[in-house]
Amino acid sequence: MRHLFTPLVALCLSVAFVTVASADLVSGRCQNEIENEIASLAILKERIKDVSILNIYDGNGVGGGRIDHIEGWVSFNDCKGNLVISVNNACLLEQVYTTYECRVPGVKSY
């Protein structure tokens, strides 16, 4: 009887682990601050294709070093390029800019 429960317990634990790990990927570090900045720019939701939050490492040390800052990259449905929102480790805004063809009123473009 004990052998019947072992696979069931293992399955339950693995499902719980995957669920927690997936949740961590969805809610990135500084996500609220980045989403608040996007909202403050009054970009139409229909225009936004995707938002990715990336940890940018300093490159020093074993395994890539420590997180230097966090960037939110917004891709759009109507242009090639991105809106980049950069925040420091304390989630304080550092800079906001667009790339390539994409433009957002009041935001620098490179």
N, C-alpha and C. Protein backbone atom coordinates (compact mmCIF):
# COMPACT_ATOMS: atom_id res chain seq x y z
N MET A 1 0.81 -1.18 0.00
CA MET A 1 0.00 0.00 0.00
C MET A 1 0.87 1.26 0.00
N ARG A 2 1.97 1.22 0.76
CA ARG A 2 2.87 2.37 0.85
C ARG A 2 3.44 2.72 -0.52
N HIS A 3 3.72 1.75 -1.35
CA HIS A 3 4.30 1.97 -2.66
C HIS A 3 3.31 2.66 -3.60
N LEU A 4 2.04 2.52 -3.35
CA LEU A 4 1.03 3.18 -4.18
C LEU A 4 1.00 4.68 -3.94
N PHE A 5 1.30 5.11 -2.72
CA PHE A 5 1.24 6.53 -2.38
C PHE A 5 2.50 7.30 -2.79
N THR A 6 3.61 6.63 -2.91
CA THR A 6 4.87 7.30 -3.23
C THR A 6 4.80 8.06 -4.56
N PRO A 7 4.35 7.45 -5.65
CA PRO A 7 4.25 8.20 -6.92
C PRO A 7 3.24 9.35 -6.82
N LEU A 8 2.15 9.15 -6.09
CA LEU A 8 1.14 10.19 -5.94
C LEU A 8 1.71 11.40 -5.19
N VAL A 9 2.45 11.14 -4.13
CA VAL A 9 3.07 12.23 -3.36
C VAL A 9 4.09 12.96 -4.24
N ALA A 10 4.90 12.23 -4.96
CA ALA A 10 5.91 12.82 -5.84
C ALA A 10 5.24 13.70 -6.90
N LEU A 11 4.15 13.25 -7.48
CA LEU A 11 3.43 14.02 -8.48
C LEU A 11 2.87 15.31 -7.88
N CYS A 12 2.27 15.21 -6.72
CA CYS A 12 1.71 16.40 -6.07
C CYS A 12 2.80 17.43 -5.76
N LEU A 13 3.94 16.97 -5.29
CA LEU A 13 5.04 17.89 -4.98
C LEU A 13 5.59 18.54 -6.24
N SER A 14 5.70 17.79 -7.33
CA SER A 14 6.24 18.36 -8.56
C SER A 14 5.27 19.38 -9.15
N VAL A 15 3.97 19.14 -9.07
CA VAL A 15 2.99 20.09 -9.58
C VAL A 15 3.04 21.37 -8.76
N ALA A 16 3.16 21.26 -7.45
CA ALA A 16 3.25 22.44 -6.59
C ALA A 16 4.50 23.24 -6.91
N PHE A 17 5.61 22.57 -7.16
CA PHE A 17 6.85 23.26 -7.47
C PHE A 17 6.74 24.00 -8.79
N VAL A 18 6.20 23.37 -9.81
CA VAL A 18 6.06 24.00 -11.12
C VAL A 18 5.16 25.23 -11.02
N THR A 19 4.08 25.13 -10.26
CA THR A 19 3.16 26.25 -10.11
C THR A 19 3.86 27.44 -9.46
N VAL A 20 4.62 27.22 -8.40
CA VAL A 20 5.34 28.31 -7.73
C VAL A 20 6.39 28.89 -8.65
N ALA A 21 7.15 28.06 -9.35
CA ALA A 21 8.19 28.54 -10.24
C ALA A 21 7.59 29.37 -11.37
N SER A 22 6.48 28.93 -11.93
CA SER A 22 5.83 29.68 -13.01
C SER A 22 5.34 31.03 -12.51
N ALA A 23 4.81 31.07 -11.31
CA ALA A 23 4.33 32.33 -10.75
C ALA A 23 5.48 33.33 -10.59
N ASP A 24 6.66 32.85 -10.21
CA ASP A 24 7.81 33.74 -10.07
C ASP A 24 8.21 34.35 -11.41
N LEU A 25 8.09 33.59 -12.48
CA LEU A 25 8.46 34.10 -13.79
C LEU A 25 7.47 35.16 -14.27
N VAL A 26 6.21 35.00 -13.93
CA VAL A 26 5.19 35.93 -14.39
C VAL A 26 5.32 37.27 -13.67
N SER A 27 5.53 37.26 -12.38
CA SER A 27 5.63 38.50 -11.62
C SER A 27 7.10 38.83 -11.42
N GLY A 28 7.68 39.56 -12.37
CA GLY A 28 9.09 39.90 -12.30
C GLY A 28 9.37 40.97 -11.26
N ARG A 29 10.61 41.08 -10.92
CA ARG A 29 11.07 42.08 -9.98
C ARG A 29 10.74 43.47 -10.53
N CYS A 30 10.23 44.35 -9.73
CA CYS A 30 9.86 45.72 -10.07
C CYS A 30 8.72 45.80 -11.09
N GLN A 31 7.97 44.73 -11.23
CA GLN A 31 6.88 44.69 -12.21
C GLN A 31 5.86 45.80 -11.97
N ASN A 32 5.46 46.03 -10.72
CA ASN A 32 4.46 47.07 -10.43
C ASN A 32 4.95 48.45 -10.84
N GLU A 33 6.20 48.77 -10.55
CA GLU A 33 6.74 50.08 -10.90
C GLU A 33 6.82 50.26 -12.41
N ILE A 34 7.21 49.21 -13.12
CA ILE A 34 7.28 49.28 -14.57
C ILE A 34 5.89 49.43 -15.17
N GLU A 35 4.92 48.66 -14.66
CA GLU A 35 3.55 48.78 -15.15
C GLU A 35 2.97 50.16 -14.85
N ASN A 36 3.30 50.74 -13.70
CA ASN A 36 2.84 52.08 -13.36
C ASN A 36 3.41 53.12 -14.32
N GLU A 37 4.66 52.96 -14.70
CA GLU A 37 5.27 53.89 -15.66
C GLU A 37 4.61 53.77 -17.03
N ILE A 38 4.32 52.55 -17.45
CA ILE A 38 3.61 52.35 -18.73
C ILE A 38 2.25 53.04 -18.67
N ALA A 39 1.53 52.87 -17.57
CA ALA A 39 0.21 53.48 -17.42
C ALA A 39 0.31 55.00 -17.45
N SER A 40 1.37 55.57 -16.87
CA SER A 40 1.52 57.02 -16.83
C SER A 40 1.77 57.61 -18.22
N LEU A 41 2.22 56.79 -19.15
CA LEU A 41 2.48 57.26 -20.51
C LEU A 41 1.23 57.23 -21.38
N ALA A 42 0.13 56.75 -20.84
CA ALA A 42 -1.16 56.74 -21.55
C ALA A 42 -1.07 56.08 -22.93
N ILE A 43 -0.46 54.92 -22.96
CA ILE A 43 -0.37 54.14 -24.20
C ILE A 43 -1.63 53.29 -24.31
N LEU A 44 -2.27 53.30 -25.47
CA LEU A 44 -3.46 52.49 -25.66
C LEU A 44 -3.13 51.01 -25.50
N LYS A 45 -3.95 50.29 -24.75
CA LYS A 45 -3.70 48.87 -24.50
C LYS A 45 -3.66 48.07 -25.79
N GLU A 46 -4.46 48.47 -26.78
CA GLU A 46 -4.49 47.76 -28.06
C GLU A 46 -3.16 47.86 -28.80
N ARG A 47 -2.39 48.87 -28.46
CA ARG A 47 -1.10 49.08 -29.12
C ARG A 47 -0.02 48.14 -28.59
N ILE A 48 -0.15 47.72 -27.33
CA ILE A 48 0.87 46.91 -26.68
C ILE A 48 0.72 45.44 -27.06
N LYS A 49 1.80 44.89 -27.58
CA LYS A 49 1.84 43.47 -27.96
C LYS A 49 2.30 42.61 -26.80
N ASP A 50 3.36 43.04 -26.11
CA ASP A 50 3.96 42.23 -25.05
C ASP A 50 4.81 43.11 -24.15
N VAL A 51 4.94 42.69 -22.88
CA VAL A 51 5.83 43.36 -21.93
C VAL A 51 6.72 42.29 -21.31
N SER A 52 8.03 42.50 -21.38
CA SER A 52 8.99 41.57 -20.77
C SER A 52 9.80 42.33 -19.73
N ILE A 53 10.05 41.69 -18.60
CA ILE A 53 10.87 42.29 -17.56
C ILE A 53 12.16 41.48 -17.45
N LEU A 54 13.28 42.18 -17.59
CA LEU A 54 14.59 41.53 -17.63
C LEU A 54 15.50 42.03 -16.52
N ASN A 55 16.20 41.12 -15.88
CA ASN A 55 17.25 41.48 -14.95
C ASN A 55 18.52 41.70 -15.77
N ILE A 56 19.17 42.84 -15.59
CA ILE A 56 20.41 43.16 -16.29
C ILE A 56 21.54 43.01 -15.28
N TYR A 57 22.45 42.08 -15.57
CA TYR A 57 23.54 41.76 -14.64
C TYR A 57 24.76 42.61 -14.94
N ASP A 58 25.59 42.84 -13.91
CA ASP A 58 26.80 43.65 -14.08
C ASP A 58 27.94 42.90 -14.75
N GLY A 59 27.85 41.58 -14.85
CA GLY A 59 28.86 40.79 -15.54
C GLY A 59 30.09 40.47 -14.71
N ASN A 60 30.16 40.93 -13.49
CA ASN A 60 31.30 40.63 -12.63
C ASN A 60 31.02 39.39 -11.80
N GLY A 61 32.03 38.62 -11.53
CA GLY A 61 31.89 37.48 -10.64
C GLY A 61 31.46 36.21 -11.34
N VAL A 62 31.41 35.17 -10.54
CA VAL A 62 31.06 33.85 -11.04
C VAL A 62 29.57 33.81 -11.36
N GLY A 63 29.22 33.25 -12.50
CA GLY A 63 27.81 33.09 -12.86
C GLY A 63 27.15 34.36 -13.35
N GLY A 64 27.91 35.38 -13.74
CA GLY A 64 27.33 36.58 -14.31
C GLY A 64 27.21 37.76 -13.38
N GLY A 65 27.57 37.59 -12.13
CA GLY A 65 27.55 38.72 -11.22
C GLY A 65 26.19 38.98 -10.60
N ARG A 66 26.00 40.20 -10.12
CA ARG A 66 24.76 40.58 -9.45
C ARG A 66 23.87 41.38 -10.40
N ILE A 67 22.62 41.54 -10.02
CA ILE A 67 21.69 42.32 -10.84
C ILE A 67 22.07 43.79 -10.71
N ASP A 68 22.38 44.42 -11.84
CA ASP A 68 22.74 45.83 -11.87
C ASP A 68 21.50 46.72 -11.89
N HIS A 69 20.53 46.36 -12.75
CA HIS A 69 19.27 47.08 -12.83
C HIS A 69 18.24 46.20 -13.54
N ILE A 70 17.01 46.67 -13.61
CA ILE A 70 15.92 45.91 -14.22
C ILE A 70 15.34 46.74 -15.36
N GLU A 71 15.01 46.08 -16.47
CA GLU A 71 14.42 46.77 -17.60
C GLU A 71 13.10 46.13 -17.99
N GLY A 72 12.14 46.97 -18.29
CA GLY A 72 10.88 46.52 -18.88
C GLY A 72 10.92 46.86 -20.35
N TRP A 73 10.69 45.88 -21.21
CA TRP A 73 10.70 46.07 -22.66
C TRP A 73 9.27 45.87 -23.16
N VAL A 74 8.72 46.91 -23.76
CA VAL A 74 7.37 46.87 -24.30
C VAL A 74 7.48 46.77 -25.82
N SER A 75 6.88 45.73 -26.41
CA SER A 75 6.82 45.64 -27.86
C SER A 75 5.41 46.00 -28.30
N PHE A 76 5.32 46.57 -29.49
CA PHE A 76 4.08 47.13 -29.98
C PHE A 76 3.55 46.37 -31.20
N ASN A 77 2.27 46.50 -31.44
CA ASN A 77 1.63 45.92 -32.62
C ASN A 77 1.80 46.80 -33.85
N ASP A 78 2.07 48.09 -33.66
CA ASP A 78 2.04 49.03 -34.78
C ASP A 78 3.41 49.57 -35.22
N CYS A 79 4.50 49.06 -34.66
CA CYS A 79 5.83 49.54 -35.07
C CYS A 79 6.88 48.50 -34.71
N LYS A 80 8.04 48.64 -35.35
CA LYS A 80 9.19 47.78 -35.02
C LYS A 80 10.06 48.56 -34.04
N GLY A 81 10.35 47.93 -32.92
CA GLY A 81 11.13 48.58 -31.88
C GLY A 81 10.47 48.34 -30.53
N ASN A 82 10.94 49.05 -29.53
CA ASN A 82 10.45 48.85 -28.17
C ASN A 82 10.43 50.15 -27.39
N LEU A 83 9.66 50.12 -26.33
CA LEU A 83 9.73 51.12 -25.26
C LEU A 83 10.54 50.44 -24.16
N VAL A 84 11.57 51.09 -23.67
CA VAL A 84 12.41 50.52 -22.62
C VAL A 84 12.27 51.38 -21.37
N ILE A 85 11.95 50.71 -20.27
CA ILE A 85 11.83 51.37 -18.97
C ILE A 85 12.88 50.75 -18.06
N SER A 86 13.83 51.56 -17.64
CA SER A 86 14.94 51.08 -16.82
C SER A 86 14.79 51.59 -15.40
N VAL A 87 14.85 50.67 -14.42
CA VAL A 87 14.78 51.02 -13.01
C VAL A 87 15.98 50.42 -12.29
N ASN A 88 16.36 51.04 -11.17
CA ASN A 88 17.49 50.50 -10.42
C ASN A 88 17.03 49.37 -9.51
N ASN A 89 17.95 48.84 -8.70
CA ASN A 89 17.63 47.71 -7.82
C ASN A 89 16.57 48.02 -6.78
N ALA A 90 16.38 49.30 -6.49
CA ALA A 90 15.34 49.71 -5.55
C ALA A 90 14.03 50.02 -6.28
N CYS A 91 13.99 49.69 -7.57
CA CYS A 91 12.81 49.89 -8.43
C CYS A 91 12.50 51.35 -8.68
N LEU A 92 13.50 52.23 -8.56
CA LEU A 92 13.33 53.65 -8.85
C LEU A 92 13.68 53.91 -10.30
N LEU A 93 12.87 54.71 -10.97
CA LEU A 93 13.02 54.99 -12.39
C LEU A 93 14.37 55.62 -12.69
N GLU A 94 15.07 55.08 -13.70
CA GLU A 94 16.33 55.65 -14.15
C GLU A 94 16.17 56.33 -15.49
N GLN A 95 15.59 55.61 -16.47
CA GLN A 95 15.38 56.22 -17.78
C GLN A 95 14.29 55.49 -18.55
N VAL A 96 13.71 56.23 -19.51
CA VAL A 96 12.67 55.70 -20.38
C VAL A 96 13.00 56.17 -21.78
N TYR A 97 12.99 55.26 -22.75
CA TYR A 97 13.27 55.64 -24.14
C TYR A 97 12.64 54.61 -25.09
N THR A 98 12.53 55.00 -26.35
CA THR A 98 12.04 54.07 -27.37
C THR A 98 13.18 53.76 -28.33
N THR A 99 13.03 52.65 -29.04
CA THR A 99 14.04 52.23 -30.01
C THR A 99 13.43 52.10 -31.40
N TYR A 100 14.28 52.18 -32.38
CA TYR A 100 13.98 51.97 -33.79
C TYR A 100 12.81 52.83 -34.26
N GLU A 101 11.73 52.24 -34.76
CA GLU A 101 10.63 53.01 -35.35
C GLU A 101 9.57 53.47 -34.34
N CYS A 102 9.55 52.90 -33.17
CA CYS A 102 8.48 53.16 -32.21
C CYS A 102 8.64 54.53 -31.53
N ARG A 103 7.51 55.21 -31.37
CA ARG A 103 7.49 56.51 -30.72
C ARG A 103 6.38 56.54 -29.67
N VAL A 104 6.66 57.21 -28.57
CA VAL A 104 5.69 57.46 -27.51
C VAL A 104 5.83 58.94 -27.18
N PRO A 105 4.73 59.70 -27.21
CA PRO A 105 4.82 61.14 -26.93
C PRO A 105 5.50 61.42 -25.57
N GLY A 106 6.46 62.36 -25.62
CA GLY A 106 7.16 62.76 -24.40
C GLY A 106 8.32 61.86 -24.01
N VAL A 107 8.65 60.86 -24.84
CA VAL A 107 9.72 59.91 -24.53
C VAL A 107 10.82 60.04 -25.57
N LYS A 108 12.08 60.10 -25.12
CA LYS A 108 13.23 60.15 -26.03
C LYS A 108 13.28 58.90 -26.90
N SER A 109 13.80 59.06 -28.11
CA SER A 109 13.93 57.92 -29.02
C SER A 109 15.38 57.80 -29.49
N TYR A 110 15.86 56.57 -29.54
CA TYR A 110 17.23 56.31 -30.02
C TYR A 110 17.19 55.40 -31.22
